[in-house]
Amino acid sequence: MNVRGFGAAALLVACTVWIASGTQHEKPLMGPAATLAIRGLEEMTAMSPRDPEFTRRLAQMYVDERQPGLALALVEGASADVKDDVRVAHVYARALLDSGRNGDALAAERRVLAGCRSSVDGVFGGVGCDGALVACAVRRASILQEMIELGVNDVQAQPEMSLVAYQNATRQAHVSVQ
């Protein structure tokens, strides 16, 4: 067999193996129902990039669909006034937590609490600072603080220690007087 025949045979074998192996199809990041809802919210966010409510809702939807990287990219690419919204910062902290960045998540939760705390009398209140947001931020901050003290960097990688940190942070003591 001459060189030309050998080259043609090798090319034929390579093409046959390539065709037989099939092609890899794209795998969607999210399910079809979520994709439609997210697509509509992405369009509204793109049309109103300075509206923190659209950014918060879209980032929360990304987090709910287990795509914290998309939520991080969305918030980090937003304008400064959108990033400073306490509700957006709260979702951002959750995305950081889900991404294994507990230290950054704790700092973000502390910014949420600082944004909700009145500088005049030290009580919680302000735009977007309802009781549920403050309670959730306080609880998440205490859990994150406990995780950091125990050396937990990633909740997914260290589930046992994460559970210990959660239990330590949420323990309650009841005192009864007899």
Protein backbone atom coordinates (compact mmCIF):
# COMPACT_ATOMS: atom_id res chain seq x y z
CA MET A 1 0.00 0.00 0.00
CA ASN A 2 1.40 3.32 -0.94
CA VAL A 3 1.41 6.44 1.22
CA ARG A 4 -1.62 7.92 -0.51
CA GLY A 5 -3.71 4.79 0.14
CA PHE A 6 -2.58 4.61 3.77
CA GLY A 7 -3.52 8.27 4.32
CA ALA A 8 -6.96 7.74 2.75
CA ALA A 9 -7.56 4.65 4.91
CA ALA A 10 -6.53 6.50 8.07
CA LEU A 11 -8.83 9.40 7.19
CA LEU A 12 -11.71 7.01 6.52
CA VAL A 13 -11.19 5.28 9.90
CA ALA A 14 -11.00 8.62 11.73
CA CYS A 15 -14.20 9.88 10.06
CA THR A 16 -16.00 6.61 10.81
CA VAL A 17 -15.05 6.75 14.49
CA TRP A 18 -16.10 10.41 14.69
CA ILE A 19 -19.51 9.74 13.07
CA ALA A 20 -20.12 6.61 15.14
CA SER A 21 -19.34 8.37 18.39
CA GLY A 22 -22.21 10.78 17.93
CA THR A 23 -22.19 14.42 18.77
CA GLN A 24 -22.61 15.89 22.18
CA HIS A 25 -25.80 17.86 22.46
CA GLU A 26 -26.07 20.93 24.60
CA LYS A 27 -27.53 20.26 27.99
CA PRO A 28 -29.76 23.00 29.37
CA LEU A 29 -28.79 24.53 32.68
CA MET A 30 -32.42 24.70 33.77
CA GLY A 31 -35.67 22.90 33.10
CA PRO A 32 -38.04 24.04 30.34
CA ALA A 33 -40.60 25.64 32.69
CA ALA A 34 -37.96 27.67 34.49
CA THR A 35 -36.35 28.64 31.20
CA LEU A 36 -39.54 30.36 29.99
CA ALA A 37 -40.02 32.24 33.25
CA ILE A 38 -36.37 33.24 33.38
CA ARG A 39 -36.36 34.36 29.75
CA GLY A 40 -39.23 36.78 30.43
CA LEU A 41 -37.58 38.09 33.58
CA GLU A 42 -34.25 38.49 31.77
CA GLU A 43 -35.98 40.62 29.14
CA MET A 44 -37.61 42.83 31.78
CA THR A 45 -34.28 43.16 33.62
CA ALA A 46 -32.52 44.10 30.40
CA MET A 47 -35.17 46.75 29.65
CA SER A 48 -34.98 48.16 33.20
CA PRO A 49 -31.39 47.60 34.37
CA ARG A 50 -31.66 50.20 37.14
CA ASP A 51 -34.70 48.55 38.75
CA PRO A 52 -33.46 46.54 41.75
CA GLU A 53 -36.68 44.51 41.99
CA PHE A 54 -36.19 42.89 38.57
CA THR A 55 -32.55 42.17 39.38
CA ARG A 56 -33.49 40.68 42.76
CA ARG A 57 -36.21 38.48 41.28
CA LEU A 58 -33.97 37.23 38.47
CA ALA A 59 -31.05 36.56 40.82
CA GLN A 60 -33.38 34.70 43.20
CA MET A 61 -34.69 32.61 40.32
CA TYR A 62 -31.11 31.72 39.33
CA VAL A 63 -30.34 30.71 42.93
CA ASP A 64 -33.54 28.66 43.12
CA GLU A 65 -32.51 26.83 39.94
CA ARG A 66 -29.09 26.05 41.47
CA GLN A 67 -27.21 28.42 39.22
CA PRO A 68 -25.51 30.74 41.73
CA GLY A 69 -22.83 31.72 39.24
CA LEU A 70 -25.45 33.34 37.02
CA ALA A 71 -26.83 35.23 40.03
CA LEU A 72 -23.34 36.41 40.97
CA ALA A 73 -22.63 37.60 37.44
CA LEU A 74 -25.97 39.42 37.29
CA VAL A 75 -25.50 41.28 40.58
CA GLU A 76 -21.81 42.01 40.08
CA GLY A 77 -22.59 43.47 36.65
CA ALA A 78 -25.42 45.66 37.95
CA SER A 79 -25.18 49.36 38.63
CA ALA A 80 -24.04 50.59 42.05
CA ASP A 81 -27.52 51.68 43.16
CA VAL A 82 -28.92 48.22 42.33
CA LYS A 83 -26.06 46.50 44.21
CA ASP A 84 -26.71 48.71 47.24
CA ASP A 85 -30.35 47.62 47.51
CA VAL A 86 -30.57 45.45 50.65
CA ARG A 87 -32.88 42.90 49.01
CA VAL A 88 -30.46 42.43 46.10
CA ALA A 89 -27.54 42.18 48.54
CA HIS A 90 -29.41 39.51 50.50
CA VAL A 91 -29.87 37.34 47.39
CA TYR A 92 -26.25 38.03 46.48
CA ALA A 93 -25.17 36.70 49.88
CA ARG A 94 -27.14 33.50 49.23
CA ALA A 95 -25.47 33.08 45.83
CA LEU A 96 -22.07 33.53 47.48
CA LEU A 97 -22.98 30.91 50.07
CA ASP A 98 -24.08 28.47 47.36
CA SER A 99 -20.82 29.14 45.51
CA GLY A 100 -18.72 28.14 48.51
CA ARG A 101 -17.64 31.66 49.45
CA ASN A 102 -18.78 31.79 53.07
CA GLY A 103 -16.52 34.68 54.10
CA ASP A 104 -17.81 36.87 51.29
CA ALA A 105 -21.38 35.78 52.05
CA LEU A 106 -20.99 36.82 55.70
CA ALA A 107 -19.64 40.22 54.63
CA ALA A 108 -22.61 40.67 52.27
CA GLU A 109 -25.11 39.75 55.01
CA ARG A 110 -23.45 42.20 57.38
CA ARG A 111 -23.86 44.90 54.72
CA VAL A 112 -27.56 44.01 54.52
CA LEU A 113 -27.91 44.36 58.29
CA ALA A 114 -25.93 47.61 58.29
CA GLY A 115 -28.16 48.95 55.52
CA CYS A 116 -31.26 48.09 57.51
CA ARG A 117 -30.02 49.47 60.83
CA SER A 118 -30.93 53.07 61.46
CA SER A 119 -27.95 55.26 62.22
CA VAL A 120 -30.05 57.41 64.53
CA ASP A 121 -31.37 54.94 67.10
CA GLY A 122 -29.87 51.58 66.07
CA VAL A 123 -33.20 49.88 65.32
CA PHE A 124 -33.88 48.04 62.10
CA GLY A 125 -35.92 49.72 59.40
CA GLY A 126 -35.58 51.45 56.08
CA VAL A 127 -36.45 50.91 52.46
CA GLY A 128 -36.93 47.22 51.72
CA CYS A 129 -36.10 46.20 55.28
CA ASP A 130 -39.18 44.32 56.36
CA GLY A 131 -39.14 42.04 59.38
CA ALA A 132 -38.74 38.86 57.33
CA LEU A 133 -35.65 40.16 55.55
CA VAL A 134 -34.02 41.31 58.80
CA ALA A 135 -34.81 38.05 60.59
CA CYS A 136 -33.47 35.98 57.71
CA ALA A 137 -30.32 38.11 57.44
CA VAL A 138 -29.66 37.91 61.19
CA ARG A 139 -30.09 34.15 61.20
CA ARG A 140 -27.98 33.60 58.08
CA ALA A 141 -25.23 35.87 59.43
CA SER A 142 -25.08 33.90 62.69
CA ILE A 143 -24.96 30.59 60.81
CA LEU A 144 -22.23 31.89 58.49
CA GLN A 145 -20.26 33.20 61.46
CA GLU A 146 -20.43 29.77 63.09
CA MET A 147 -19.38 28.07 59.84
CA ILE A 148 -16.37 30.32 59.50
CA GLU A 149 -15.38 29.68 63.12
CA LEU A 150 -15.55 25.93 62.45
CA GLY A 151 -13.52 26.30 59.24
CA VAL A 152 -16.31 25.44 56.81
CA ASN A 153 -15.61 27.07 53.47
CA ASP A 154 -18.04 25.18 51.27
CA VAL A 155 -21.36 23.82 52.51
CA GLN A 156 -21.52 21.23 49.71
CA ALA A 157 -18.03 19.92 50.38
CA GLN A 158 -18.41 19.78 54.18
CA PRO A 159 -22.04 18.85 54.93
CA GLU A 160 -21.39 17.35 58.37
CA MET A 161 -19.57 20.40 59.69
CA SER A 162 -22.19 22.63 58.08
CA LEU A 163 -24.89 20.83 60.03
CA VAL A 164 -22.93 21.25 63.27
CA ALA A 165 -22.52 24.96 62.54
CA TYR A 166 -26.22 25.29 61.76
CA GLN A 167 -27.20 23.54 64.97
CA ASN A 168 -24.77 25.63 67.03
CA ALA A 169 -26.08 28.87 65.54
CA THR A 170 -29.76 28.03 65.93
CA ARG A 171 -29.77 26.53 69.42
CA GLN A 172 -32.32 28.00 71.72
CA ALA A 173 -32.41 27.89 75.46
CA HIS A 174 -35.67 27.99 77.37
CA VAL A 175 -35.74 29.18 80.95
CA SER A 176 -38.69 28.54 83.16
CA VAL A 177 -39.20 29.99 86.61
CA GLN A 178 -40.80 27.72 89.18
